Protein backbone atom coordinates (compact mmCIF):
# COMPACT_ATOMS: atom_id res chain seq x y z
CA UNK A 1 0.10 -0.15 0.04
CA UNK A 2 1.19 3.33 -0.97
CA UNK A 3 -0.26 6.65 0.66
CA UNK A 4 0.06 10.18 -1.15
CA UNK A 5 -0.44 12.44 1.94
CA UNK A 6 -1.47 15.93 0.89
CA UNK A 7 -2.20 19.12 2.68
CA UNK A 8 -4.90 21.10 1.05
CA UNK A 9 -4.54 24.00 -1.09
CA UNK A 10 -4.57 27.49 0.27
CA UNK A 11 -7.74 29.22 1.87
CA UNK A 12 -8.58 33.05 2.51
CA UNK A 13 -7.79 32.17 6.24
CA UNK A 14 -4.39 30.69 5.61
CA UNK A 15 -3.55 34.16 4.19
CA UNK A 16 -5.13 35.88 7.03
CA UNK A 17 -3.28 33.60 9.75
CA UNK A 18 -6.66 32.71 10.94
CA UNK A 19 -7.27 29.57 13.19
CA UNK A 20 -9.17 27.14 10.89
CA UNK A 21 -9.16 23.97 12.75
CA UNK A 22 -12.50 22.09 12.00
CA UNK A 23 -14.14 25.36 10.37
CA UNK A 24 -15.32 24.50 6.93
CA UNK A 25 -13.58 26.97 4.69
CA UNK A 26 -13.04 26.72 1.18
CA UNK A 27 -10.18 27.18 -1.28
CA UNK A 28 -9.26 30.61 -2.27
CA UNK A 29 -8.18 30.94 -6.43
CA UNK A 30 -4.57 30.58 -5.51
CA UNK A 31 -5.42 27.54 -3.38
CA UNK A 32 -7.26 25.91 -6.46
CA UNK A 33 -4.43 26.91 -8.72
CA UNK A 34 -1.86 25.23 -6.44
CA UNK A 35 -4.10 21.91 -6.46
CA UNK A 36 -4.40 21.88 -10.32
CA UNK A 37 -0.53 22.15 -10.68
CA UNK A 38 -0.33 19.42 -8.35
CA UNK A 39 -2.80 17.48 -10.23
CA UNK A 40 -1.04 18.10 -13.31
CA UNK A 41 2.47 16.64 -11.93
CA UNK A 42 0.61 13.76 -10.35
CA UNK A 43 -1.37 12.65 -13.55
CA UNK A 44 0.54 9.42 -13.98
CA UNK A 45 0.08 8.10 -10.56
CA UNK A 46 -2.23 5.29 -10.58
CA UNK A 47 -4.32 5.99 -7.78
CA UNK A 48 -6.95 3.40 -6.68
CA UNK A 49 -9.13 5.72 -4.37
CA UNK A 50 -9.08 8.67 -2.31
CA UNK A 51 -9.59 9.24 1.43
CA UNK A 52 -10.45 12.60 2.40
CA UNK A 53 -11.18 14.82 5.38
CA UNK A 54 -14.95 15.78 5.27
CA UNK A 55 -13.81 19.41 5.35
CA UNK A 56 -14.39 21.35 2.22
CA UNK A 57 -10.86 22.63 1.55
CA UNK A 58 -9.82 18.85 1.69
CA UNK A 59 -12.47 17.26 -0.45
CA UNK A 60 -11.98 20.26 -3.08
CA UNK A 61 -8.17 19.54 -3.18
CA UNK A 62 -8.88 15.76 -3.72
CA UNK A 63 -11.36 16.43 -6.37
CA UNK A 64 -8.95 18.81 -8.19
CA UNK A 65 -6.30 16.02 -8.13
CA UNK A 66 -8.27 13.32 -9.35
CA UNK A 67 -10.56 15.30 -11.85
CA UNK A 68 -11.20 13.34 -15.11
CA UNK A 69 -10.55 10.03 -13.31
CA UNK A 70 -13.07 7.27 -12.12
CA UNK A 71 -11.80 6.66 -8.64
CA UNK A 72 -13.79 6.34 -5.34
CA UNK A 73 -13.60 9.32 -2.92
CA UNK A 74 -14.21 8.25 0.61
CA UNK A 75 -14.64 10.58 3.87
CA UNK A 76 -12.61 9.82 6.64
CA UNK A 77 -13.34 12.14 10.02
CA UNK A 78 -10.27 11.02 11.54
CA UNK A 79 -8.00 12.83 9.59
CA UNK A 80 -9.89 16.43 9.63
CA UNK A 81 -7.94 19.12 11.29
CA UNK A 82 -7.34 19.57 14.93
CA UNK A 83 -10.15 21.74 16.74
CA UNK A 84 -9.35 24.93 18.26
CA UNK A 85 -12.56 25.31 19.89
CA UNK A 86 -14.04 28.63 20.95
CA UNK A 87 -10.68 30.46 19.18
CA UNK A 88 -11.66 29.07 15.73
CA UNK A 89 -11.70 31.90 13.25
CA UNK A 90 -9.32 34.06 15.48
CA UNK A 91 -6.61 35.91 13.55
CA UNK A 92 -3.35 35.54 15.51
CA UNK A 93 -1.38 38.33 16.48
CA UNK A 94 2.64 38.90 16.09
CA UNK A 95 2.71 38.30 19.86
CA UNK A 96 0.77 35.15 19.77
CA UNK A 97 2.84 33.63 17.32
CA UNK A 98 6.24 34.87 18.44
CA UNK A 99 5.89 35.12 22.44
CA UNK A 100 7.20 32.24 23.99
CA UNK A 101 4.57 32.78 26.81
CA UNK A 102 1.52 32.19 24.68
CA UNK A 103 -0.21 29.11 23.82
CA UNK A 104 0.28 29.62 20.06
CA UNK A 105 3.73 29.78 20.40
CA UNK A 106 3.73 26.63 22.30
CA UNK A 107 1.35 25.14 19.74
CA UNK A 108 4.13 25.62 16.87
CA UNK A 109 7.09 25.84 18.67
CA UNK A 110 6.79 23.48 21.89
CA UNK A 111 3.67 21.41 21.30
CA UNK A 112 4.43 19.37 24.38
CA UNK A 113 3.35 22.58 26.37
CA UNK A 114 0.14 23.48 24.38
CA UNK A 115 -3.07 23.67 26.07
CA UNK A 116 -6.16 24.03 24.03
CA UNK A 117 -8.97 26.53 24.59
CA UNK A 118 -12.40 25.77 25.72
CA UNK A 119 -14.03 23.11 23.28
CA UNK A 120 -10.45 22.69 21.33
CA UNK A 121 -8.71 19.46 21.01
CA UNK A 122 -5.28 18.47 22.50
CA UNK A 123 -2.56 17.49 19.97
CA UNK A 124 -2.46 14.13 21.90
CA UNK A 125 -6.10 13.73 20.64
CA UNK A 126 -5.17 14.34 17.37
CA UNK A 127 -2.45 11.87 17.30
CA UNK A 128 -4.65 9.22 18.66
CA UNK A 129 -7.40 9.48 16.02
CA UNK A 130 -4.85 9.91 13.14
CA UNK A 131 -2.85 6.87 14.39
CA UNK A 132 -5.91 4.79 14.79
CA UNK A 133 -6.70 5.63 11.10
CA UNK A 134 -3.15 4.16 9.89
CA UNK A 135 -3.44 1.18 12.00
CA UNK A 136 -6.64 0.29 10.49
CA UNK A 137 -5.23 0.93 7.21
CA UNK A 138 -2.31 -1.38 7.99
CA UNK A 139 -4.51 -4.23 8.74
CA UNK A 140 -7.19 -3.56 5.61
CA UNK A 141 -6.00 -6.65 3.41
CA UNK A 142 -8.51 -5.70 0.35
CA UNK A 143 -6.29 -2.48 0.05
CA UNK A 144 -3.07 -4.07 0.57
CA UNK A 145 -1.71 -3.24 -3.12
CA UNK A 146 -3.70 0.04 -3.42
CA UNK A 147 -2.20 3.40 -4.34
CA UNK A 148 -4.14 5.84 -2.02
CA UNK A 149 -4.53 9.69 -1.84
CA UNK A 150 -5.11 11.03 1.53
CA UNK A 151 -6.13 14.76 1.49
CA UNK A 152 -5.99 16.36 5.00
CA UNK A 153 -4.71 19.27 6.48
CA UNK A 154 -1.41 20.82 8.22
CA UNK A 155 -1.53 19.69 11.67
CA UNK A 156 -3.24 16.34 10.71
CA UNK A 157 -0.72 15.72 8.30
CA UNK A 158 1.99 15.75 10.91
CA UNK A 159 0.11 13.81 13.24
CA UNK A 160 0.13 11.07 10.61
CA UNK A 161 3.85 11.42 10.14
CA UNK A 162 4.57 11.57 13.95
CA UNK A 163 2.84 8.21 14.20
CA UNK A 164 4.66 6.78 11.34
CA UNK A 165 8.02 8.02 12.99
CA UNK A 166 7.09 7.19 16.57
CA UNK A 167 8.16 10.81 17.35
CA UNK A 168 8.02 12.58 20.60
CA UNK A 169 5.33 15.10 21.05
CA UNK A 170 8.16 17.79 21.25
CA UNK A 171 8.96 16.99 17.56
CA UNK A 172 5.48 16.98 16.42
CA UNK A 173 5.94 19.26 13.58
CA UNK A 174 9.01 17.72 12.03
CA UNK A 175 10.51 20.51 10.26
CA UNK A 176 7.32 23.01 10.47
CA UNK A 177 3.91 23.40 9.09
CA UNK A 178 3.66 21.69 5.71
CA UNK A 179 3.20 24.15 2.70
CA UNK A 180 -0.26 23.92 0.98
CA UNK A 181 -0.60 21.22 -1.48
CA UNK A 182 2.84 19.32 -0.01
CA UNK A 183 2.92 15.65 -0.40
CA UNK A 184 4.32 13.14 1.69
CA UNK A 185 4.79 9.44 0.27
CA UNK A 186 4.46 6.41 2.84
CA UNK A 187 4.80 2.76 1.94
CA UNK A 188 3.40 0.01 3.91
CA UNK A 189 6.15 -2.82 4.01
CA UNK A 190 6.16 -5.96 6.03
CA UNK A 191 3.71 -4.52 8.34
CA UNK A 192 5.03 -1.34 8.99
CA UNK A 193 4.86 2.22 7.49
CA UNK A 194 7.84 3.94 5.95
CA UNK A 195 8.11 7.51 4.66
CA UNK A 196 9.71 7.64 1.18
CA UNK A 197 9.53 11.37 0.65
CA UNK A 198 8.26 14.16 2.79
CA UNK A 199 6.81 17.56 1.98
CA UNK A 200 7.26 17.32 -1.83
CA UNK A 201 6.17 20.57 -3.82
CA UNK A 202 4.87 19.56 -7.44
CA UNK A 203 4.36 23.46 -8.23
CA UNK A 204 6.55 26.45 -9.27
CA UNK A 205 5.54 30.22 -9.25
CA UNK A 206 1.93 29.57 -8.79
């Protein structure tokens, strides 16, 4: 089994540095262009099926990648983005991004110390549900030889990688937030997941 794990294309909230989480935002014009350029570069990859977060920005990215192909697209709630609770939609200030005393500095730079706002989700909870998703795939014999597109989000995609790498919470981001439409390739070999390539970008000057 081979997975192509892609972060969705750009959204208006990405450009505004707003916390999206489980808010159901859509791609902007550039986000669709990034997905279309990525689709063109991936046109020869023989996908058998796609699994997408049910959020619109991930689903639209998957549909653009698979345009013109008769390939099943299945919704998978375990790969939706982390919830920021009552802070969803909040535009982060420079202080919140850069001051080591704030929770969102912790979120991006010291995730082991991050504490979510009311109604939000812990990074540990995100790790648990994405790891459960990978474990189910690992035992899905009928998909053993399949090539699968997995359309997800920034933190959720990093959680998938962290599960594969058995990374400590302190190394959750593994190099930082992936760019929009960045692709990581992982293979299931002898019952274990192996990362082949990480954060591949298939577009230029979009």
